[in-house]
Amino acid sequence: MTTLANDQGDIYEAEESHIFGPLTDVTIGACTYDMIPIISIYHALEGYEERLNYLPEFGFAYINEMKDPGEAPFTYNFVAIEAAGRL
């Protein structure tokens, strides 16, 4: 799909692919949440990938892995989800 990308204020069209997996669950800390895994591939960045976990209950996704082509993935380990308070 063609999207608009924002690279530090530089807006441009970019080709991306998004692959959605089946509904599963993820445990963070002592809680288990419904989760849909997503792989995002950024073709303008030579196939750079991000793996996200979408939590339908909260309506947001978070990055849990980043991977440059030919490199080992960098993985985040989350230990809790907490309310940020009013911004």
PDB file of N, CA and C in Angstrom:
ATOM      1  N   MET A   1       0.838  -1.165   0.000  1.00  0.00           N
ATOM      2  CA  MET A   1       0.000   0.000   0.000  1.00  0.00           C
ATOM      3  C   MET A   1       0.890   1.238   0.000  1.00  0.00           C
ATOM      4  N   THR A   2       0.390   2.307  -0.540  1.00  0.00           N
ATOM      5  CA  THR A   2       1.107   3.577  -0.517  1.00  0.00           C
ATOM      6  C   THR A   2       0.607   4.388   0.670  1.00  0.00           C
ATOM      7  N   THR A   3       1.536   4.878   1.469  1.00  0.00           N
ATOM      8  CA  THR A   3       1.197   5.672   2.647  1.00  0.00           C
ATOM      9  C   THR A   3       1.967   6.979   2.621  1.00  0.00           C
ATOM     10  N   LEU A   4       1.633   7.865   3.526  1.00  0.00           N
ATOM     11  CA  LEU A   4       2.436   9.058   3.746  1.00  0.00           C
ATOM     12  C   LEU A   4       3.338   8.794   4.938  1.00  0.00           C
ATOM     13  N   ALA A   5       4.634   8.979   4.751  1.00  0.00           N
ATOM     14  CA  ALA A   5       5.606   8.780   5.817  1.00  0.00           C
ATOM     15  C   ALA A   5       6.107  10.133   6.300  1.00  0.00           C
ATOM     16  N   ASN A   6       6.454  10.197   7.571  1.00  0.00           N
ATOM     17  CA  ASN A   6       6.983  11.423   8.163  1.00  0.00           C
ATOM     18  C   ASN A   6       8.355  11.105   8.742  1.00  0.00           C
ATOM     19  N   ASP A   7       9.391  11.628   8.107  1.00  0.00           N
ATOM     20  CA  ASP A   7      10.759  11.434   8.581  1.00  0.00           C
ATOM     21  C   ASP A   7      11.276  12.766   9.095  1.00  0.00           C
ATOM     22  N   GLN A   8      11.053  13.006  10.386  1.00  0.00           N
ATOM     23  CA  GLN A   8      11.477  14.244  11.051  1.00  0.00           C
ATOM     24  C   GLN A   8      10.977  15.484  10.310  1.00  0.00           C
ATOM     25  N   GLY A   9       9.689  15.455   9.919  1.00  0.00           N
ATOM     26  CA  GLY A   9       9.071  16.598   9.257  1.00  0.00           C
ATOM     27  C   GLY A   9       9.092  16.525   7.746  1.00  0.00           C
ATOM     28  N   ASP A  10       9.879  15.627   7.166  1.00  0.00           N
ATOM     29  CA  ASP A  10       9.917  15.429   5.714  1.00  0.00           C
ATOM     30  C   ASP A  10       8.823  14.434   5.358  1.00  0.00           C
ATOM     31  N   ILE A  11       7.734  14.901   4.712  1.00  0.00           N
ATOM     32  CA  ILE A  11       6.589  14.064   4.373  1.00  0.00           C
ATOM     33  C   ILE A  11       6.763  13.564   2.935  1.00  0.00           C
ATOM     34  N   TYR A  12       6.610  12.239   2.748  1.00  0.00           N
ATOM     35  CA  TYR A  12       6.749  11.653   1.414  1.00  0.00           C
ATOM     36  C   TYR A  12       5.897  10.393   1.306  1.00  0.00           C
ATOM     37  N   GLU A  13       5.574  10.001   0.071  1.00  0.00           N
ATOM     38  CA  GLU A  13       4.842   8.762  -0.158  1.00  0.00           C
ATOM     39  C   GLU A  13       5.806   7.595  -0.059  1.00  0.00           C
ATOM     40  N   ALA A  14       5.349   6.491   0.534  1.00  0.00           N
ATOM     41  CA  ALA A  14       6.196   5.318   0.701  1.00  0.00           C
ATOM     42  C   ALA A  14       5.360   4.057   0.546  1.00  0.00           C
ATOM     43  N   GLU A  15       5.979   3.004   0.027  1.00  0.00           N
ATOM     44  CA  GLU A  15       5.325   1.707  -0.109  1.00  0.00           C
ATOM     45  C   GLU A  15       5.555   0.890   1.158  1.00  0.00           C
ATOM     46  N   GLU A  16       4.471   0.340   1.694  1.00  0.00           N
ATOM     47  CA  GLU A  16       4.542  -0.486   2.891  1.00  0.00           C
ATOM     48  C   GLU A  16       3.650  -1.706   2.705  1.00  0.00           C
ATOM     49  N   SER A  17       4.000  -2.790   3.374  1.00  0.00           N
ATOM     50  CA  SER A  17       3.148  -3.973   3.447  1.00  0.00           C
ATOM     51  C   SER A  17       2.880  -4.253   4.917  1.00  0.00           C
ATOM     52  N   HIS A  18       1.646  -4.684   5.217  1.00  0.00           N
ATOM     53  CA  HIS A  18       1.262  -5.002   6.594  1.00  0.00           C
ATOM     54  C   HIS A  18       0.586  -6.365   6.589  1.00  0.00           C
ATOM     55  N   ILE A  19       1.118  -7.271   7.384  1.00  0.00           N
ATOM     56  CA  ILE A  19       0.605  -8.634   7.462  1.00  0.00           C
ATOM     57  C   ILE A  19       0.025  -8.839   8.858  1.00  0.00           C
ATOM     58  N   PHE A  20      -1.255  -9.183   8.908  1.00  0.00           N
ATOM     59  CA  PHE A  20      -1.952  -9.358  10.172  1.00  0.00           C
ATOM     60  C   PHE A  20      -2.101 -10.848  10.470  1.00  0.00           C
ATOM     61  N   GLY A  21      -1.692 -11.257  11.658  1.00  0.00           N
ATOM     62  CA  GLY A  21      -1.830 -12.641  12.077  1.00  0.00           C
ATOM     63  C   GLY A  21      -3.163 -12.873  12.758  1.00  0.00           C
ATOM     64  N   PRO A  22      -3.389 -14.122  13.194  1.00  0.00           N
ATOM     65  CA  PRO A  22      -4.648 -14.455  13.864  1.00  0.00           C
ATOM     66  C   PRO A  22      -4.679 -13.929  15.305  1.00  0.00           C
ATOM     67  N   LEU A  23      -5.885 -13.744  15.813  1.00  0.00           N
ATOM     68  CA  LEU A  23      -6.065 -13.333  17.206  1.00  0.00           C
ATOM     69  C   LEU A  23      -5.445 -14.384  18.117  1.00  0.00           C
ATOM     70  N   THR A  24      -4.629 -13.943  19.040  1.00  0.00           N
ATOM     71  CA  THR A  24      -3.982 -14.813  20.015  1.00  0.00           C
ATOM     72  C   THR A  24      -3.947 -14.048  21.326  1.00  0.00           C
ATOM     73  N   ASP A  25      -3.020 -14.350  22.204  1.00  0.00           N
ATOM     74  CA  ASP A  25      -2.897 -13.570  23.427  1.00  0.00           C
ATOM     75  C   ASP A  25      -1.428 -13.341  23.755  1.00  0.00           C
ATOM     76  N   VAL A  26      -1.207 -12.364  24.606  1.00  0.00           N
ATOM     77  CA  VAL A  26       0.134 -12.038  25.069  1.00  0.00           C
ATOM     78  C   VAL A  26       0.041 -11.757  26.571  1.00  0.00           C
ATOM     79  N   THR A  27       1.034 -12.221  27.306  1.00  0.00           N
ATOM     80  CA  THR A  27       1.086 -11.958  28.742  1.00  0.00           C
ATOM     81  C   THR A  27       2.158 -10.914  29.010  1.00  0.00           C
ATOM     82  N   ILE A  28       1.756  -9.859  29.687  1.00  0.00           N
ATOM     83  CA  ILE A  28       2.672  -8.794  30.086  1.00  0.00           C
ATOM     84  C   ILE A  28       2.515  -8.642  31.596  1.00  0.00           C
ATOM     85  N   GLY A  29       3.581  -8.917  32.324  1.00  0.00           N
ATOM     86  CA  GLY A  29       3.476  -8.930  33.777  1.00  0.00           C
ATOM     87  C   GLY A  29       2.539 -10.040  34.202  1.00  0.00           C
ATOM     88  N   ALA A  30       1.576  -9.711  35.036  1.00  0.00           N
ATOM     89  CA  ALA A  30       0.630 -10.702  35.543  1.00  0.00           C
ATOM     90  C   ALA A  30      -0.666 -10.754  34.738  1.00  0.00           C
ATOM     91  N   CYS A  31      -0.754  -9.981  33.647  1.00  0.00           N
ATOM     92  CA  CYS A  31      -2.001  -9.874  32.887  1.00  0.00           C
ATOM     93  C   CYS A  31      -1.854 -10.475  31.493  1.00  0.00           C
ATOM     94  N   THR A  32      -2.934 -11.066  31.007  1.00  0.00           N
ATOM     95  CA  THR A  32      -2.982 -11.619  29.661  1.00  0.00           C
ATOM     96  C   THR A  32      -4.007 -10.836  28.855  1.00  0.00           C
ATOM     97  N   TYR A  33      -3.633 -10.462  27.620  1.00  0.00           N
ATOM     98  CA  TYR A  33      -4.475  -9.637  26.759  1.00  0.00           C
ATOM     99  C   TYR A  33      -4.674 -10.325  25.418  1.00  0.00           C
ATOM    100  N   ASP A  34      -5.863 -10.107  24.791  1.00  0.00           N
ATOM    101  CA  ASP A  34      -6.031 -10.488  23.399  1.00  0.00           C
ATOM    102  C   ASP A  34      -5.049  -9.677  22.576  1.00  0.00           C
ATOM    103  N   MET A  35      -4.479 -10.302  21.517  1.00  0.00           N
ATOM    104  CA  MET A  35      -3.458  -9.619  20.719  1.00  0.00           C
ATOM    105  C   MET A  35      -3.512 -10.107  19.278  1.00  0.00           C
ATOM    106  N   ILE A  36      -3.339  -9.183  18.354  1.00  0.00           N
ATOM    107  CA  ILE A  36      -3.208  -9.499  16.936  1.00  0.00           C
ATOM    108  C   ILE A  36      -1.794  -9.096  16.518  1.00  0.00           C
ATOM    109  N   PRO A  37      -0.962 -10.070  16.092  1.00  0.00           N
ATOM    110  CA  PRO A  37       0.389  -9.718  15.663  1.00  0.00           C
ATOM    111  C   PRO A  37       0.370  -9.079  14.270  1.00  0.00           C
ATOM    112  N   ILE A  38       1.241  -8.103  14.082  1.00  0.00           N
ATOM    113  CA  ILE A  38       1.337  -7.388  12.807  1.00  0.00           C
ATOM    114  C   ILE A  38       2.808  -7.320  12.412  1.00  0.00           C
ATOM    115  N   ILE A  39       3.087  -7.610  11.149  1.00  0.00           N
ATOM    116  CA  ILE A  39       4.420  -7.373  10.589  1.00  0.00           C
ATOM    117  C   ILE A  39       4.284  -6.231   9.598  1.00  0.00           C
ATOM    118  N   SER A  40       5.048  -5.165   9.791  1.00  0.00           N
ATOM    119  CA  SER A  40       5.063  -4.023   8.874  1.00  0.00           C
ATOM    120  C   SER A  40       6.403  -4.019   8.149  1.00  0.00           C
ATOM    121  N   ILE A  41       6.339  -3.967   6.811  1.00  0.00           N
ATOM    122  CA  ILE A  41       7.543  -3.971   5.974  1.00  0.00           C
ATOM    123  C   ILE A  41       7.592  -2.639   5.237  1.00  0.00           C
ATOM    124  N   TYR A  42       8.711  -1.950   5.366  1.00  0.00           N
ATOM    125  CA  TYR A  42       8.892  -0.621   4.763  1.00  0.00           C
ATOM    126  C   TYR A  42       9.829  -0.758   3.560  1.00  0.00           C
ATOM    127  N   HIS A  43       9.239  -0.763   2.359  1.00  0.00           N
ATOM    128  CA  HIS A  43      10.001  -1.032   1.148  1.00  0.00           C
ATOM    129  C   HIS A  43      10.981   0.089   0.812  1.00  0.00           C
ATOM    130  N   ALA A  44      10.640   1.324   1.144  1.00  0.00           N
ATOM    131  CA  ALA A  44      11.554   2.443   0.876  1.00  0.00           C
ATOM    132  C   ALA A  44      12.802   2.355   1.746  1.00  0.00           C
ATOM    133  N   LEU A  45      12.723   1.603   2.825  1.00  0.00           N
ATOM    134  CA  LEU A  45      13.870   1.426   3.724  1.00  0.00           C
ATOM    135  C   LEU A  45      14.497   0.047   3.508  1.00  0.00           C
ATOM    136  N   GLU A  46      14.431  -0.420   2.261  1.00  0.00           N
ATOM    137  CA  GLU A  46      15.066  -1.671   1.823  1.00  0.00           C
ATOM    138  C   GLU A  46      14.567  -2.890   2.586  1.00  0.00           C
ATOM    139  N   GLY A  47      13.303  -2.880   2.976  1.00  0.00           N
ATOM    140  CA  GLY A  47      12.713  -4.033   3.629  1.00  0.00           C
ATOM    141  C   GLY A  47      12.821  -4.046   5.136  1.00  0.00           C
ATOM    142  N   TYR A  48      13.156  -2.908   5.735  1.00  0.00           N
ATOM    143  CA  TYR A  48      13.159  -2.798   7.199  1.00  0.00           C
ATOM    144  C   TYR A  48      11.807  -3.282   7.723  1.00  0.00           C
ATOM    145  N   GLU A  49      11.798  -4.066   8.803  1.00  0.00           N
ATOM    146  CA  GLU A  49      10.570  -4.624   9.365  1.00  0.00           C
ATOM    147  C   GLU A  49      10.368  -4.208  10.814  1.00  0.00           C
ATOM    148  N   GLU A  50       9.107  -4.038  11.148  1.00  0.00           N
ATOM    149  CA  GLU A  50       8.708  -3.857  12.538  1.00  0.00           C
ATOM    150  C   GLU A  50       7.644  -4.891  12.844  1.00  0.00           C
ATOM    151  N   ARG A  51       7.742  -5.503  13.997  1.00  0.00           N
ATOM    152  CA  ARG A  51       6.700  -6.414  14.474  1.00  0.00           C
ATOM    153  C   ARG A  51       5.987  -5.709  15.613  1.00  0.00           C
ATOM    154  N   LEU A  52       4.669  -5.659  15.480  1.00  0.00           N
ATOM    155  CA  LEU A  52       3.849  -4.964  16.462  1.00  0.00           C
ATOM    156  C   LEU A  52       2.839  -5.926  17.057  1.00  0.00           C
ATOM    157  N   ASN A  53       2.407  -5.634  18.250  1.00  0.00           N
ATOM    158  CA  ASN A  53       1.310  -6.347  18.890  1.00  0.00           C
ATOM    159  C   ASN A  53       0.167  -5.362  19.049  1.00  0.00           C
ATOM    160  N   TYR A  54      -0.963  -5.660  18.389  1.00  0.00           N
ATOM    161  CA  TYR A  54      -2.157  -4.814  18.512  1.00  0.00           C
ATOM    162  C   TYR A  54      -3.040  -5.400  19.604  1.00  0.00           C
ATOM    163  N   LEU A  55      -3.399  -4.569  20.570  1.00  0.00           N
ATOM    164  CA  LEU A  55      -4.265  -4.978  21.677  1.00  0.00           C
ATOM    165  C   LEU A  55      -5.657  -4.377  21.458  1.00  0.00           C
ATOM    166  N   PRO A  56      -6.614  -5.170  20.934  1.00  0.00           N
ATOM    167  CA  PRO A  56      -7.946  -4.635  20.629  1.00  0.00           C
ATOM    168  C   PRO A  56      -8.646  -4.004  21.828  1.00  0.00           C
ATOM    169  N   GLU A  57      -8.425  -4.539  23.012  1.00  0.00           N
ATOM    170  CA  GLU A  57      -9.073  -4.019  24.217  1.00  0.00           C
ATOM    171  C   GLU A  57      -8.719  -2.555  24.465  1.00  0.00           C
ATOM    172  N   PHE A  58      -7.490  -2.175  24.094  1.00  0.00           N
ATOM    173  CA  PHE A  58      -7.023  -0.807  24.325  1.00  0.00           C
ATOM    174  C   PHE A  58      -7.002   0.042  23.060  1.00  0.00           C
ATOM    175  N   GLY A  59      -7.087  -0.590  21.888  1.00  0.00           N
ATOM    176  CA  GLY A  59      -7.105   0.155  20.628  1.00  0.00           C
ATOM    177  C   GLY A  59      -5.754   0.718  20.226  1.00  0.00           C
ATOM    178  N   PHE A  60      -4.651   0.073  20.650  1.00  0.00           N
ATOM    179  CA  PHE A  60      -3.337   0.535  20.223  1.00  0.00           C
ATOM    180  C   PHE A  60      -2.414  -0.659  19.982  1.00  0.00           C
ATOM    181  N   ALA A  61      -1.339  -0.371  19.260  1.00  0.00           N
ATOM    182  CA  ALA A  61      -0.298  -1.376  19.015  1.00  0.00           C
ATOM    183  C   ALA A  61       1.018  -0.829  19.548  1.00  0.00           C
ATOM    184  N   TYR A  62       1.893  -1.752  19.933  1.00  0.00           N
ATOM    185  CA  TYR A  62       3.228  -1.354  20.362  1.00  0.00           C
ATOM    186  C   TYR A  62       4.256  -2.182  19.601  1.00  0.00           C
ATOM    187  N   ILE A  63       5.411  -1.573  19.351  1.00  0.00           N
ATOM    188  CA  ILE A  63       6.493  -2.264  18.648  1.00  0.00           C
ATOM    189  C   ILE A  63       7.166  -3.213  19.625  1.00  0.00           C
ATOM    190  N   ASN A  64       7.308  -4.462  19.214  1.00  0.00           N
ATOM    191  CA  ASN A  64       8.051  -5.384  20.060  1.00  0.00           C
ATOM    192  C   ASN A  64       9.305  -5.922  19.390  1.00  0.00           C
ATOM    193  N   GLU A  65       9.499  -5.592  18.094  1.00  0.00           N
ATOM    194  CA  GLU A  65      10.728  -6.024  17.420  1.00  0.00           C
ATOM    195  C   GLU A  65      10.984  -5.151  16.202  1.00  0.00           C
ATOM    196  N   MET A  66      12.249  -4.818  15.965  1.00  0.00           N
ATOM    197  CA  MET A  66      12.682  -4.090  14.776  1.00  0.00           C
ATOM    198  C   MET A  66      13.791  -4.898  14.122  1.00  0.00           C
ATOM    199  N   LYS A  67      13.798  -4.903  12.765  1.00  0.00           N
ATOM    200  CA  LYS A  67      14.795  -5.707  12.083  1.00  0.00           C
ATOM    201  C   LYS A  67      15.205  -5.060  10.769  1.00  0.00           C
ATOM    202  N   ASP A  68      16.497  -4.771  10.642  1.00  0.00           N
ATOM    203  CA  ASP A  68      17.056  -4.315   9.375  1.00  0.00           C
ATOM    204  C   ASP A  68      17.391  -5.540   8.535  1.00  0.00           C
ATOM    205  N   PRO A  69      17.289  -5.436   7.199  1.00  0.00           N
ATOM    206  CA  PRO A  69      17.602  -6.578   6.346  1.00  0.00           C
ATOM    207  C   PRO A  69      19.013  -7.103   6.622  1.00  0.00           C
ATOM    208  N   GLY A  70      19.142  -8.414   6.739  1.00  0.00           N
ATOM    209  CA  GLY A  70      20.438  -9.036   6.958  1.00  0.00           C
ATOM    210  C   GLY A  70      20.980  -8.921   8.362  1.00  0.00           C
ATOM    211  N   GLU A  71      20.230  -8.331   9.265  1.00  0.00           N
ATOM    212  CA  GLU A  71      20.669  -8.142  10.651  1.00  0.00           C
ATOM    213  C   GLU A  71      19.804  -8.964  11.606  1.00  0.00           C
ATOM    214  N   ALA A  72      20.314  -9.197  12.786  1.00  0.00           N
ATOM    215  CA  ALA A  72      19.531  -9.848  13.825  1.00  0.00           C
ATOM    216  C   ALA A  72      18.470  -8.877  14.333  1.00  0.00           C
ATOM    217  N   PRO A  73      17.297  -9.362  14.707  1.00  0.00           N
ATOM    218  CA  PRO A  73      16.256  -8.459  15.210  1.00  0.00           C
ATOM    219  C   PRO A  73      16.617  -7.885  16.577  1.00  0.00           C
ATOM    220  N   PHE A  74      16.109  -6.670  16.837  1.00  0.00           N
ATOM    221  CA  PHE A  74      16.210  -6.046  18.151  1.00  0.00           C
ATOM    222  C   PHE A  74      14.835  -6.180  18.787  1.00  0.00           C
ATOM    223  N   THR A  75      14.755  -6.849  19.915  1.00  0.00           N
ATOM    224  CA  THR A  75      13.475  -7.160  20.551  1.00  0.00           C
ATOM    225  C   THR A  75      13.329  -6.410  21.869  1.00  0.00           C
ATOM    226  N   TYR A  76      12.130  -5.889  22.085  1.00  0.00           N
ATOM    227  CA  TYR A  76      11.784  -5.245  23.353  1.00  0.00           C
ATOM    228  C   TYR A  76      11.039  -6.248  24.223  1.00  0.00           C
ATOM    229  N   ASN A  77      11.311  -6.240  25.514  1.00  0.00           N
ATOM    230  CA  ASN A  77      10.583  -7.066  26.468  1.00  0.00           C
ATOM    231  C   ASN A  77       9.803  -6.140  27.394  1.00  0.00           C
ATOM    232  N   PHE A  78       8.495  -6.249  27.372  1.00  0.00           N
ATOM    233  CA  PHE A  78       7.643  -5.382  28.179  1.00  0.00           C
ATOM    234  C   PHE A  78       7.284  -6.096  29.479  1.00  0.00           C
ATOM    235  N   VAL A  79       7.242  -5.345  30.558  1.00  0.00           N
ATOM    236  CA  VAL A  79       6.982  -5.941  31.878  1.00  0.00           C
ATOM    237  C   VAL A  79       5.649  -5.462  32.483  1.00  0.00           C
ATOM    238  N   ALA A  80       5.054  -4.385  31.944  1.00  0.00           N
ATOM    239  CA  ALA A  80       3.800  -3.884  32.483  1.00  0.00           C
ATOM    240  C   ALA A  80       3.158  -2.911  31.511  1.00  0.00           C
ATOM    241  N   ILE A  81       1.844  -2.756  31.640  1.00  0.00           N
ATOM    242  CA  ILE A  81       1.086  -1.705  30.945  1.00  0.00           C
ATOM    243  C   ILE A  81       0.409  -0.905  32.044  1.00  0.00           C
ATOM    244  N   GLU A  82       0.629   0.412  32.021  1.00  0.00           N
ATOM    245  CA  GLU A  82       0.047   1.270  33.035  1.00  0.00           C
ATOM    246  C   GLU A  82      -0.532   2.521  32.390  1.00  0.00           C
ATOM    247  N   ALA A  83      -1.522   3.100  33.038  1.00  0.00           N
ATOM    248  CA  ALA A  83      -2.093   4.360  32.575  1.00  0.00           C
ATOM    249  C   ALA A  83      -1.058   5.469  32.744  1.00  0.00           C
ATOM    250  N   ALA A  84      -0.957   6.334  31.756  1.00  0.00           N
ATOM    251  CA  ALA A  84       0.018   7.417  31.800  1.00  0.00           C
ATOM    252  C   ALA A  84      -0.507   8.633  32.552  1.00  0.00           C
ATOM    253  N   GLY A  85      -1.780   8.669  32.829  1.00  0.00           N
ATOM    254  CA  GLY A  85      -2.357   9.852  33.456  1.00  0.00           C
ATOM    255  C   GLY A  85      -2.750  10.854  32.399  1.00  0.00           C
ATOM    256  N   ARG A  86      -3.184  11.985  32.820  1.00  0.00           N
ATOM    257  CA  ARG A  86      -3.611  13.031  31.870  1.00  0.00           C
ATOM    258  C   ARG A  86      -2.416  13.740  31.312  1.00  0.00           C
ATOM    259  N   LEU A  87      -2.443  13.945  30.013  1.00  0.00           N
ATOM    260  CA  LEU A  87      -1.372  14.677  29.334  1.00  0.00           C
ATOM    261  C   LEU A  87      -1.782  16.091  29.053  1.00  0.00           C
TER     262      LEU A  87
END
